């Protein structure tokens, strides 16, 4: 099973400890979040692939993630 984490970078200080707890709670599961992106990665393609492959999608909804300036791809 893999878990995909989606959040606004503006909320990183709040969300990061929760993600780390998820990684501890599910040690045999793959938890994907932007920390796993590497320089030179095709970010868009990698994110799309991880979303397609995940069994659990966790979206941290906040004022920042729902603002007009938030990056949300509707494809």
PDB file of N, CA and C in Angstrom:
ATOM      1  N   UNK A   1       0.847  -1.183   0.000  1.00  0.00           N
ATOM      2  CA  UNK A   1       0.000   0.000   0.000  1.00  0.00           C
ATOM      3  C   UNK A   1       0.886   1.238   0.000  1.00  0.00           C
ATOM      4  N   UNK A   2       0.486   2.252  -0.731  1.00  0.00           N
ATOM      5  CA  UNK A   2       1.190   3.523  -0.690  1.00  0.00           C
ATOM      6  C   UNK A   2       0.210   4.640  -0.347  1.00  0.00           C
ATOM      7  N   UNK A   3       0.750   5.659   0.297  1.00  0.00           N
ATOM      8  CA  UNK A   3      -0.036   6.797   0.763  1.00  0.00           C
ATOM      9  C   UNK A   3       0.549   8.053   0.129  1.00  0.00           C
ATOM     10  N   UNK A   4      -0.283   8.836  -0.532  1.00  0.00           N
ATOM     11  CA  UNK A   4       0.152  10.086  -1.152  1.00  0.00           C
ATOM     12  C   UNK A   4      -0.327  11.242  -0.279  1.00  0.00           C
ATOM     13  N   UNK A   5       0.585  12.149   0.047  1.00  0.00           N
ATOM     14  CA  UNK A   5       0.271  13.292   0.894  1.00  0.00           C
ATOM     15  C   UNK A   5       0.245  14.557   0.040  1.00  0.00           C
ATOM     16  N   UNK A   6      -0.837  15.311   0.133  1.00  0.00           N
ATOM     17  CA  UNK A   6      -0.972  16.579  -0.574  1.00  0.00           C
ATOM     18  C   UNK A   6      -1.235  17.675   0.450  1.00  0.00           C
ATOM     19  N   UNK A   7      -0.449  18.759   0.358  1.00  0.00           N
ATOM     20  CA  UNK A   7      -0.604  19.862   1.317  1.00  0.00           C
ATOM     21  C   UNK A   7      -0.006  21.128   0.726  1.00  0.00           C
ATOM     22  N   UNK A   8      -0.326  22.250   1.321  1.00  0.00           N
ATOM     23  CA  UNK A   8       0.254  23.520   0.922  1.00  0.00           C
ATOM     24  C   UNK A   8       1.586  23.699   1.644  1.00  0.00           C
ATOM     25  N   UNK A   9       2.589  24.165   0.925  1.00  0.00           N
ATOM     26  CA  UNK A   9       3.885  24.410   1.559  1.00  0.00           C
ATOM     27  C   UNK A   9       3.782  25.448   2.665  1.00  0.00           C
ATOM     28  N   UNK A  10       2.789  26.301   2.603  1.00  0.00           N
ATOM     29  CA  UNK A  10       2.586  27.287   3.664  1.00  0.00           C
ATOM     30  C   UNK A  10       2.261  26.608   4.993  1.00  0.00           C
ATOM     31  N   UNK A  11       1.785  25.372   4.946  1.00  0.00           N
ATOM     32  CA  UNK A  11       1.404  24.617   6.143  1.00  0.00           C
ATOM     33  C   UNK A  11       2.451  23.585   6.550  1.00  0.00           C
ATOM     34  N   UNK A  12       3.628  23.642   5.957  1.00  0.00           N
ATOM     35  CA  UNK A  12       4.642  22.605   6.167  1.00  0.00           C
ATOM     36  C   UNK A  12       4.970  22.384   7.646  1.00  0.00           C
ATOM     37  N   UNK A  13       5.083  23.444   8.434  1.00  0.00           N
ATOM     38  CA  UNK A  13       5.448  23.264   9.840  1.00  0.00           C
ATOM     39  C   UNK A  13       4.366  22.531  10.624  1.00  0.00           C
ATOM     40  N   UNK A  14       3.143  22.614  10.172  1.00  0.00           N
ATOM     41  CA  UNK A  14       2.034  21.910  10.830  1.00  0.00           C
ATOM     42  C   UNK A  14       1.932  20.476  10.305  1.00  0.00           C
ATOM     43  N   UNK A  15       2.054  20.315   9.011  1.00  0.00           N
ATOM     44  CA  UNK A  15       1.828  19.030   8.354  1.00  0.00           C
ATOM     45  C   UNK A  15       3.001  18.054   8.504  1.00  0.00           C
ATOM     46  N   UNK A  16       4.224  18.570   8.458  1.00  0.00           N
ATOM     47  CA  UNK A  16       5.399  17.692   8.495  1.00  0.00           C
ATOM     48  C   UNK A  16       5.417  16.737   9.694  1.00  0.00           C
ATOM     49  N   UNK A  17       5.133  17.185  10.924  1.00  0.00           N
ATOM     50  CA  UNK A  17       5.111  16.235  12.045  1.00  0.00           C
ATOM     51  C   UNK A  17       4.033  15.152  11.896  1.00  0.00           C
ATOM     52  N   UNK A  18       2.918  15.493  11.277  1.00  0.00           N
ATOM     53  CA  UNK A  18       1.848  14.518  11.062  1.00  0.00           C
ATOM     54  C   UNK A  18       2.299  13.470  10.048  1.00  0.00           C
ATOM     55  N   UNK A  19       2.965  13.915   8.997  1.00  0.00           N
ATOM     56  CA  UNK A  19       3.480  12.985   7.988  1.00  0.00           C
ATOM     57  C   UNK A  19       4.496  12.046   8.626  1.00  0.00           C
ATOM     58  N   UNK A  20       5.377  12.584   9.442  1.00  0.00           N
ATOM     59  CA  UNK A  20       6.379  11.745  10.099  1.00  0.00           C
ATOM     60  C   UNK A  20       5.713  10.716  11.017  1.00  0.00           C
ATOM     61  N   UNK A  21       4.616  11.088  11.665  1.00  0.00           N
ATOM     62  CA  UNK A  21       3.867  10.122  12.484  1.00  0.00           C
ATOM     63  C   UNK A  21       3.245   9.033  11.610  1.00  0.00           C
ATOM     64  N   UNK A  22       2.736   9.409  10.441  1.00  0.00           N
ATOM     65  CA  UNK A  22       2.190   8.411   9.504  1.00  0.00           C
ATOM     66  C   UNK A  22       3.277   7.428   9.079  1.00  0.00           C
ATOM     67  N   UNK A  23       4.473   7.941   8.812  1.00  0.00           N
ATOM     68  CA  UNK A  23       5.574   7.062   8.422  1.00  0.00           C
ATOM     69  C   UNK A  23       5.933   6.096   9.549  1.00  0.00           C
ATOM     70  N   UNK A  24       5.871   6.560  10.785  1.00  0.00           N
ATOM     71  CA  UNK A  24       6.137   5.687  11.930  1.00  0.00           C
ATOM     72  C   UNK A  24       5.004   4.683  12.145  1.00  0.00           C
ATOM     73  N   UNK A  25       3.773   5.126  11.960  1.00  0.00           N
ATOM     74  CA  UNK A  25       2.613   4.262  12.176  1.00  0.00           C
ATOM     75  C   UNK A  25       2.485   3.180  11.112  1.00  0.00           C
ATOM     76  N   UNK A  26       2.981   3.456   9.910  1.00  0.00           N
ATOM     77  CA  UNK A  26       2.903   2.513   8.794  1.00  0.00           C
ATOM     78  C   UNK A  26       4.298   2.258   8.232  1.00  0.00           C
ATOM     79  N   UNK A  27       5.163   1.607   9.018  1.00  0.00           N
ATOM     80  CA  UNK A  27       6.570   1.440   8.603  1.00  0.00           C
ATOM     81  C   UNK A  27       6.753   0.593   7.342  1.00  0.00           C
ATOM     82  N   UNK A  28       5.810  -0.253   7.023  1.00  0.00           N
ATOM     83  CA  UNK A  28       5.931  -1.102   5.838  1.00  0.00           C
ATOM     84  C   UNK A  28       5.185  -0.540   4.638  1.00  0.00           C
ATOM     85  N   UNK A  29       4.719   0.685   4.761  1.00  0.00           N
ATOM     86  CA  UNK A  29       3.980   1.340   3.683  1.00  0.00           C
ATOM     87  C   UNK A  29       4.810   2.481   3.119  1.00  0.00           C
ATOM     88  N   UNK A  30       4.593   2.778   1.865  1.00  0.00           N
ATOM     89  CA  UNK A  30       5.309   3.865   1.201  1.00  0.00           C
ATOM     90  C   UNK A  30       4.490   5.138   1.345  1.00  0.00           C
ATOM     91  N   UNK A  31       5.047   6.128   2.044  1.00  0.00           N
ATOM     92  CA  UNK A  31       4.386   7.424   2.212  1.00  0.00           C
ATOM     93  C   UNK A  31       5.098   8.415   1.292  1.00  0.00           C
ATOM     94  N   UNK A  32       4.376   8.897   0.278  1.00  0.00           N
ATOM     95  CA  UNK A  32       4.971   9.823  -0.682  1.00  0.00           C
ATOM     96  C   UNK A  32       4.539  11.238  -0.372  1.00  0.00           C
ATOM     97  N   UNK A  33       5.553  12.096  -0.244  1.00  0.00           N
ATOM     98  CA  UNK A  33       5.311  13.540  -0.169  1.00  0.00           C
ATOM     99  C   UNK A  33       6.497  14.232  -0.792  1.00  0.00           C
ATOM    100  N   UNK A  34       6.442  15.537  -0.935  1.00  0.00           N
ATOM    101  CA  UNK A  34       7.439  16.219  -1.752  1.00  0.00           C
ATOM    102  C   UNK A  34       8.878  16.066  -1.268  1.00  0.00           C
ATOM    103  N   UNK A  35       9.094  15.626  -0.055  1.00  0.00           N
ATOM    104  CA  UNK A  35      10.459  15.381   0.419  1.00  0.00           C
ATOM    105  C   UNK A  35      11.116  14.292  -0.443  1.00  0.00           C
ATOM    106  N   UNK A  36      10.318  13.457  -1.082  1.00  0.00           N
ATOM    107  CA  UNK A  36      10.850  12.372  -1.900  1.00  0.00           C
ATOM    108  C   UNK A  36      11.223  12.821  -3.325  1.00  0.00           C
ATOM    109  N   UNK A  37      10.906  14.065  -3.677  1.00  0.00           N
ATOM    110  CA  UNK A  37      11.280  14.573  -4.995  1.00  0.00           C
ATOM    111  C   UNK A  37      12.765  14.946  -4.992  1.00  0.00           C
ATOM    112  N   UNK A  38      13.449  14.640  -6.075  1.00  0.00           N
ATOM    113  CA  UNK A  38      14.868  14.934  -6.193  1.00  0.00           C
ATOM    114  C   UNK A  38      15.104  16.004  -7.245  1.00  0.00           C
ATOM    115  N   UNK A  39      16.174  16.746  -7.099  1.00  0.00           N
ATOM    116  CA  UNK A  39      16.529  17.728  -8.111  1.00  0.00           C
ATOM    117  C   UNK A  39      16.671  17.047  -9.459  1.00  0.00           C
ATOM    118  N   UNK A  40      16.141  17.642 -10.486  1.00  0.00           N
ATOM    119  CA  UNK A  40      16.217  17.042 -11.812  1.00  0.00           C
ATOM    120  C   UNK A  40      15.040  16.138 -12.136  1.00  0.00           C
ATOM    121  N   UNK A  41      14.218  15.810 -11.141  1.00  0.00           N
ATOM    122  CA  UNK A  41      13.024  15.000 -11.404  1.00  0.00           C
ATOM    123  C   UNK A  41      12.059  15.761 -12.306  1.00  0.00           C
ATOM    124  N   UNK A  42      11.331  15.036 -13.127  1.00  0.00           N
ATOM    125  CA  UNK A  42      10.204  15.613 -13.852  1.00  0.00           C
ATOM    126  C   UNK A  42       9.065  15.624 -12.844  1.00  0.00           C
ATOM    127  N   UNK A  43       8.964  16.719 -12.101  1.00  0.00           N
ATOM    128  CA  UNK A  43       8.060  16.811 -10.956  1.00  0.00           C
ATOM    129  C   UNK A  43       6.619  16.473 -11.327  1.00  0.00           C
ATOM    130  N   UNK A  44       6.124  17.073 -12.398  1.00  0.00           N
ATOM    131  CA  UNK A  44       4.740  16.838 -12.796  1.00  0.00           C
ATOM    132  C   UNK A  44       4.495  15.359 -13.080  1.00  0.00           C
ATOM    133  N   UNK A  45       5.366  14.741 -13.856  1.00  0.00           N
ATOM    134  CA  UNK A  45       5.199  13.321 -14.202  1.00  0.00           C
ATOM    135  C   UNK A  45       5.307  12.439 -12.963  1.00  0.00           C
ATOM    136  N   UNK A  46       6.245  12.746 -12.077  1.00  0.00           N
ATOM    137  CA  UNK A  46       6.428  11.931 -10.880  1.00  0.00           C
ATOM    138  C   UNK A  46       5.210  12.044  -9.959  1.00  0.00           C
ATOM    139  N   UNK A  47       4.687  13.255  -9.791  1.00  0.00           N
ATOM    140  CA  UNK A  47       3.503  13.431  -8.948  1.00  0.00           C
ATOM    141  C   UNK A  47       2.304  12.683  -9.522  1.00  0.00           C
ATOM    142  N   UNK A  48       2.100  12.795 -10.825  1.00  0.00           N
ATOM    143  CA  UNK A  48       0.975  12.094 -11.461  1.00  0.00           C
ATOM    144  C   UNK A  48       1.097  10.577 -11.291  1.00  0.00           C
ATOM    145  N   UNK A  49       2.297  10.061 -11.462  1.00  0.00           N
ATOM    146  CA  UNK A  49       2.527   8.619 -11.313  1.00  0.00           C
ATOM    147  C   UNK A  49       2.237   8.172  -9.883  1.00  0.00           C
ATOM    148  N   UNK A  50       2.707   8.925  -8.915  1.00  0.00           N
ATOM    149  CA  UNK A  50       2.485   8.559  -7.519  1.00  0.00           C
ATOM    150  C   UNK A  50       1.003   8.620  -7.150  1.00  0.00           C
ATOM    151  N   UNK A  51       0.281   9.587  -7.683  1.00  0.00           N
ATOM    152  CA  UNK A  51      -1.165   9.668  -7.428  1.00  0.00           C
ATOM    153  C   UNK A  51      -1.865   8.459  -8.041  1.00  0.00           C
ATOM    154  N   UNK A  52      -1.482   8.094  -9.257  1.00  0.00           N
ATOM    155  CA  UNK A  52      -2.087   6.915  -9.910  1.00  0.00           C
ATOM    156  C   UNK A  52      -1.826   5.636  -9.127  1.00  0.00           C
ATOM    157  N   UNK A  53      -0.646   5.517  -8.534  1.00  0.00           N
ATOM    158  CA  UNK A  53      -0.243   4.288  -7.862  1.00  0.00           C
ATOM    159  C   UNK A  53      -0.716   4.183  -6.412  1.00  0.00           C
ATOM    160  N   UNK A  54      -1.097   5.293  -5.805  1.00  0.00           N
ATOM    161  CA  UNK A  54      -1.414   5.252  -4.373  1.00  0.00           C
ATOM    162  C   UNK A  54      -2.770   4.578  -4.114  1.00  0.00           C
ATOM    163  N   UNK A  55      -2.868   3.975  -2.952  1.00  0.00           N
ATOM    164  CA  UNK A  55      -4.138   3.408  -2.506  1.00  0.00           C
ATOM    165  C   UNK A  55      -4.852   4.372  -1.558  1.00  0.00           C
ATOM    166  N   UNK A  56      -4.082   5.252  -0.936  1.00  0.00           N
ATOM    167  CA  UNK A  56      -4.645   6.238  -0.006  1.00  0.00           C
ATOM    168  C   UNK A  56      -4.129   7.609  -0.402  1.00  0.00           C
ATOM    169  N   UNK A  57      -5.038   8.573  -0.558  1.00  0.00           N
ATOM    170  CA  UNK A  57      -4.687   9.945  -0.890  1.00  0.00           C
ATOM    171  C   UNK A  57      -5.106  10.803   0.294  1.00  0.00           C
ATOM    172  N   UNK A  58      -4.132  11.470   0.925  1.00  0.00           N
ATOM    173  CA  UNK A  58      -4.418  12.318   2.081  1.00  0.00           C
ATOM    174  C   UNK A  58      -4.227  13.769   1.652  1.00  0.00           C
ATOM    175  N   UNK A  59      -5.300  14.544   1.733  1.00  0.00           N
ATOM    176  CA  UNK A  59      -5.255  15.964   1.385  1.00  0.00           C
ATOM    177  C   UNK A  59      -5.440  16.768   2.656  1.00  0.00           C
ATOM    178  N   UNK A  60      -4.439  17.570   2.994  1.00  0.00           N
ATOM    179  CA  UNK A  60      -4.538  18.449   4.152  1.00  0.00           C
ATOM    180  C   UNK A  60      -5.180  19.754   3.694  1.00  0.00           C
ATOM    181  N   UNK A  61      -6.455  19.892   3.990  1.00  0.00           N
ATOM    182  CA  UNK A  61      -7.193  21.084   3.595  1.00  0.00           C
ATOM    183  C   UNK A  61      -6.944  22.198   4.606  1.00  0.00           C
ATOM    184  N   UNK A  62      -6.656  23.361   4.095  1.00  0.00           N
ATOM    185  CA  UNK A  62      -6.427  24.529   4.942  1.00  0.00           C
ATOM    186  C   UNK A  62      -6.780  25.766   4.137  1.00  0.00           C
ATOM    187  N   UNK A  63      -6.723  26.892   4.792  1.00  0.00           N
ATOM    188  CA  UNK A  63      -6.967  28.150   4.087  1.00  0.00           C
ATOM    189  C   UNK A  63      -5.951  28.298   2.945  1.00  0.00           C
ATOM    190  N   UNK A  64      -4.706  27.955   3.221  1.00  0.00           N
ATOM    191  CA  UNK A  64      -3.646  28.075   2.209  1.00  0.00           C
ATOM    192  C   UNK A  64      -3.873  27.146   1.026  1.00  0.00           C
ATOM    193  N   UNK A  65      -4.266  25.910   1.297  1.00  0.00           N
ATOM    194  CA  UNK A  65      -4.438  24.946   0.207  1.00  0.00           C
ATOM    195  C   UNK A  65      -5.692  25.216  -0.627  1.00  0.00           C
ATOM    196  N   UNK A  66      -6.601  25.996  -0.084  1.00  0.00           N
ATOM    197  CA  UNK A  66      -7.843  26.285  -0.787  1.00  0.00           C
ATOM    198  C   UNK A  66      -7.902  27.713  -1.339  1.00  0.00           C
ATOM    199  N   UNK A  67      -6.813  28.465  -1.198  1.00  0.00           N
ATOM    200  CA  UNK A  67      -6.812  29.851  -1.650  1.00  0.00           C
ATOM    201  C   UNK A  67      -6.785  29.931  -3.178  1.00  0.00           C
ATOM    202  N   UNK A  68      -7.058  31.112  -3.686  1.00  0.00           N
ATOM    203  CA  UNK A  68      -7.052  31.312  -5.138  1.00  0.00           C
ATOM    204  C   UNK A  68      -5.674  31.099  -5.732  1.00  0.00           C
ATOM    205  N   UNK A  69      -4.620  31.276  -4.926  1.00  0.00           N
ATOM    206  CA  UNK A  69      -3.255  31.125  -5.416  1.00  0.00           C
ATOM    207  C   UNK A  69      -2.738  29.700  -5.311  1.00  0.00           C
ATOM    208  N   UNK A  70      -3.522  28.792  -4.765  1.00  0.00           N
ATOM    209  CA  UNK A  70      -3.084  27.410  -4.612  1.00  0.00           C
ATOM    210  C   UNK A  70      -2.945  26.746  -5.974  1.00  0.00           C
ATOM    211  N   UNK A  71      -1.968  25.860  -6.082  1.00  0.00           N
ATOM    212  CA  UNK A  71      -1.756  25.131  -7.335  1.00  0.00           C
ATOM    213  C   UNK A  71      -2.551  23.835  -7.255  1.00  0.00           C
ATOM    214  N   UNK A  72      -3.598  23.779  -8.044  1.00  0.00           N
ATOM    215  CA  UNK A  72      -4.441  22.586  -8.097  1.00  0.00           C
ATOM    216  C   UNK A  72      -4.631  22.233  -9.558  1.00  0.00           C
ATOM    217  N   UNK A  73      -4.287  21.018  -9.904  1.00  0.00           N
ATOM    218  CA  UNK A  73      -4.416  20.570 -11.283  1.00  0.00           C
ATOM    219  C   UNK A  73      -5.704  19.774 -11.414  1.00  0.00           C
ATOM    220  N   UNK A  74      -6.569  20.209 -12.298  1.00  0.00           N
ATOM    221  CA  UNK A  74      -7.873  19.561 -12.448  1.00  0.00           C
ATOM    222  C   UNK A  74      -7.878  18.490 -13.514  1.00  0.00           C
ATOM    223  N   UNK A  75      -6.727  18.122 -14.044  1.00  0.00           N
ATOM    224  CA  UNK A  75      -6.659  17.114 -15.115  1.00  0.00           C
ATOM    225  C   UNK A  75      -6.923  15.747 -14.578  1.00  0.00           C
TER     226      UNK A  75
END
